[in-house]
Protein backbone atom coordinates (compact mmCIF):
# COMPACT_ATOMS: atom_id res chain seq x y z
CA MET A 1 170.53 125.08 84.02
CA LEU A 2 171.71 123.79 87.40
CA LYS A 3 171.89 127.34 88.73
CA PHE A 4 168.25 127.87 87.74
CA ILE A 5 167.21 124.86 89.86
CA THR A 6 169.40 125.60 92.87
CA ASN A 7 168.74 129.35 92.95
CA ASN A 8 166.39 130.04 95.91
CA LEU A 9 166.11 126.29 96.52
CA GLY A 10 164.86 126.81 100.08
CA TRP A 11 161.96 128.98 98.92
CA LYS A 12 161.08 126.50 96.19
CA LEU A 13 161.00 123.56 98.63
CA LEU A 14 158.92 125.59 101.07
CA SER A 15 156.43 126.41 98.28
CA VAL A 16 156.10 122.76 97.30
CA ALA A 17 155.59 121.74 100.96
CA LEU A 18 152.92 124.41 101.51
CA ALA A 19 151.14 123.44 98.29
CA ALA A 20 151.07 119.79 99.40
CA ILE A 21 149.67 120.75 102.82
CA VAL A 22 146.93 122.90 101.26
CA TRP A 23 146.05 120.13 98.81
CA MET A 24 145.81 117.50 101.59
CA ALA A 25 143.65 119.80 103.74
CA ALA A 26 141.26 120.48 100.86
CA ASP A 27 141.08 116.77 99.99
CA TYR A 28 140.32 115.86 103.61
CA ALA A 29 137.62 118.54 103.87
CA MET A 30 135.85 117.26 100.75
CA ARG A 31 135.88 113.58 101.84
CA ARG A 32 134.77 113.82 105.47
CA PRO A 33 131.07 113.56 106.35
CA PRO A 34 129.30 116.69 107.53
CA SER A 35 129.70 117.35 111.23
CA PRO A 36 126.69 117.80 113.53
CA ALA A 37 127.43 121.53 113.62
CA THR A 38 127.04 121.64 109.83
CA VAL A 39 123.58 120.14 109.98
CA ALA A 40 122.43 122.10 113.05
CA GLY A 41 118.72 122.74 113.08
CA THR A 42 117.93 119.42 111.45
CA ALA A 43 116.50 116.23 112.85
CA ARG A 44 116.98 112.59 111.89
CA ARG A 45 114.52 109.77 111.82
CA THR A 46 114.99 106.11 110.96
CA PHE A 47 112.28 103.83 109.62
CA ALA A 48 112.89 100.10 109.82
CA ASN A 49 111.00 97.61 107.67
CA LEU A 50 109.80 99.95 104.92
CA PRO A 51 108.21 97.72 102.24
CA ILE A 52 109.69 97.73 98.75
CA THR A 53 107.20 98.30 95.93
CA ILE A 54 107.79 96.83 92.48
CA LEU A 55 107.31 99.30 89.64
CA THR A 56 106.50 97.60 86.36
CA THR A 57 104.25 98.12 83.35
CA ALA A 58 100.55 97.30 83.56
CA ASN A 59 100.79 94.61 80.89
CA ASP A 60 103.74 92.73 82.44
CA PRO A 61 102.40 89.21 83.19
CA ARG A 62 105.38 88.12 85.28
CA HIS A 63 105.41 87.72 89.05
CA TYR A 64 108.50 89.07 90.81
CA VAL A 65 110.06 88.16 94.14
CA VAL A 66 112.28 90.78 95.78
CA GLU A 67 114.86 89.81 98.40
CA PRO A 68 114.87 91.39 100.91
CA ALA A 69 111.32 92.74 100.79
CA GLN A 70 111.97 95.60 103.24
CA VAL A 71 114.62 98.25 103.89
CA ARG A 72 115.85 100.43 106.74
CA ALA A 73 116.07 104.12 105.80
CA THR A 74 117.29 107.18 107.71
CA PHE A 75 116.13 110.66 106.76
CA ARG A 76 117.21 114.19 107.71
CA GLY A 77 115.28 117.44 107.53
CA PRO A 78 113.71 120.29 109.46
CA PRO A 79 112.49 119.06 112.88
CA GLU A 80 108.87 120.03 112.21
CA VAL A 81 108.85 118.05 108.94
CA ILE A 82 110.69 115.01 110.32
CA GLU A 83 108.35 114.90 113.32
CA ARG A 84 105.30 114.60 111.02
CA LEU A 85 106.97 112.15 108.63
CA ARG A 86 105.17 108.78 108.41
CA PRO A 87 106.07 105.58 106.53
CA GLY A 88 103.21 106.26 104.09
CA ASP A 89 104.89 109.53 103.05
CA ILE A 90 107.90 107.63 101.73
CA SER A 91 108.00 105.60 98.50
CA VAL A 92 110.58 102.82 98.32
CA PHE A 93 110.60 101.00 95.01
CA VAL A 94 112.51 98.97 92.45
CA ASN A 95 111.97 100.05 88.85
CA LEU A 96 111.56 96.99 86.63
CA THR A 97 110.19 98.74 83.57
CA GLY A 98 112.23 97.82 80.54
CA ILE A 99 113.38 94.46 81.97
CA ARG A 100 112.94 91.86 79.24
CA ASP A 101 114.15 88.30 79.80
CA ALA A 102 116.14 88.39 83.03
CA ARG A 103 115.22 85.68 85.52
CA GLU A 104 117.44 87.01 88.30
CA LEU A 105 119.12 90.39 88.61
CA ARG A 106 120.29 92.97 91.13
CA LYS A 107 118.59 96.36 91.09
CA ASN A 108 119.20 99.58 93.00
CA ILE A 109 116.46 100.68 95.36
CA GLU A 110 114.97 104.10 94.70
CA VAL A 111 113.45 106.31 97.41
CA LEU A 112 111.11 109.27 97.08
CA ALA A 113 110.66 111.45 100.16
CA PRO A 114 108.64 114.62 100.73
CA PRO A 115 110.19 118.03 99.91
CA GLY A 116 112.73 119.14 102.50
CA VAL A 117 113.51 115.57 103.55
CA THR A 118 116.87 114.08 102.58
CA LEU A 119 117.74 110.38 102.53
CA VAL A 120 120.84 109.87 104.71
CA SER A 121 121.25 106.08 104.58
CA LEU A 122 119.54 103.07 103.05
CA MET A 123 120.19 99.45 104.03
CA PRO A 124 120.37 97.55 101.77
CA SER A 125 120.84 99.81 98.77
CA GLU A 126 120.06 97.10 96.24
CA VAL A 127 117.91 93.97 96.08
CA LEU A 128 117.89 90.66 94.29
CA VAL A 129 114.91 90.38 91.94
CA ARG A 130 113.76 86.98 90.74
CA THR A 131 111.11 86.24 88.13
CA ASP A 132 108.80 83.52 89.37
CA LEU A 133 107.53 81.82 86.23
CA THR A 134 105.44 79.27 88.11
CA MET A 135 103.13 81.86 89.65
CA PRO A 136 100.92 84.22 87.63
CA ALA A 137 100.99 87.92 88.39
CA THR A 138 98.36 88.93 90.94
CA ASN A 139 98.32 92.66 90.34
CA ALA A 140 95.11 92.65 88.28
CA PRO A 141 91.84 90.78 88.88
CA PRO A 142 90.68 88.44 86.14
CA ILE A 143 88.34 90.00 83.62
CA GLU A 144 84.94 88.34 83.49
CA PRO A 145 83.04 88.39 80.20
CA SER A 146 80.03 90.66 80.33
CA SER A 147 76.59 89.39 79.41
CA PRO A 148 74.61 91.17 76.72
């Protein structure tokens, strides 16, 4: 058994060393961010103070407070698309559908951008949502009774 291990020991150690080097190189290549040469032909644009919209059901009577109320988002895409991109083309929202009795919770921010536009960074990526029970929801006007 010992002869099996020590036979061609130099070649075996060299194989293990080369395998480790290849593994480390592949691991490094997968973890590093794309270089500017990789994303050549693209442009970036940052929007500060994009308002966060609250997505909830129409019959939800609660009033929500989101902290912070705005985000900073950076997008990447073809230069002609990024040049025409406006804050109104981007939807930044917190989905509160399905929330039952929570008075305070942290929620991830979701972003919808036009086709061809990729979200690169979002600060912050989550918000604190509080239910304000002292204030009625203001998303719908009061319904007045109609006269016959």
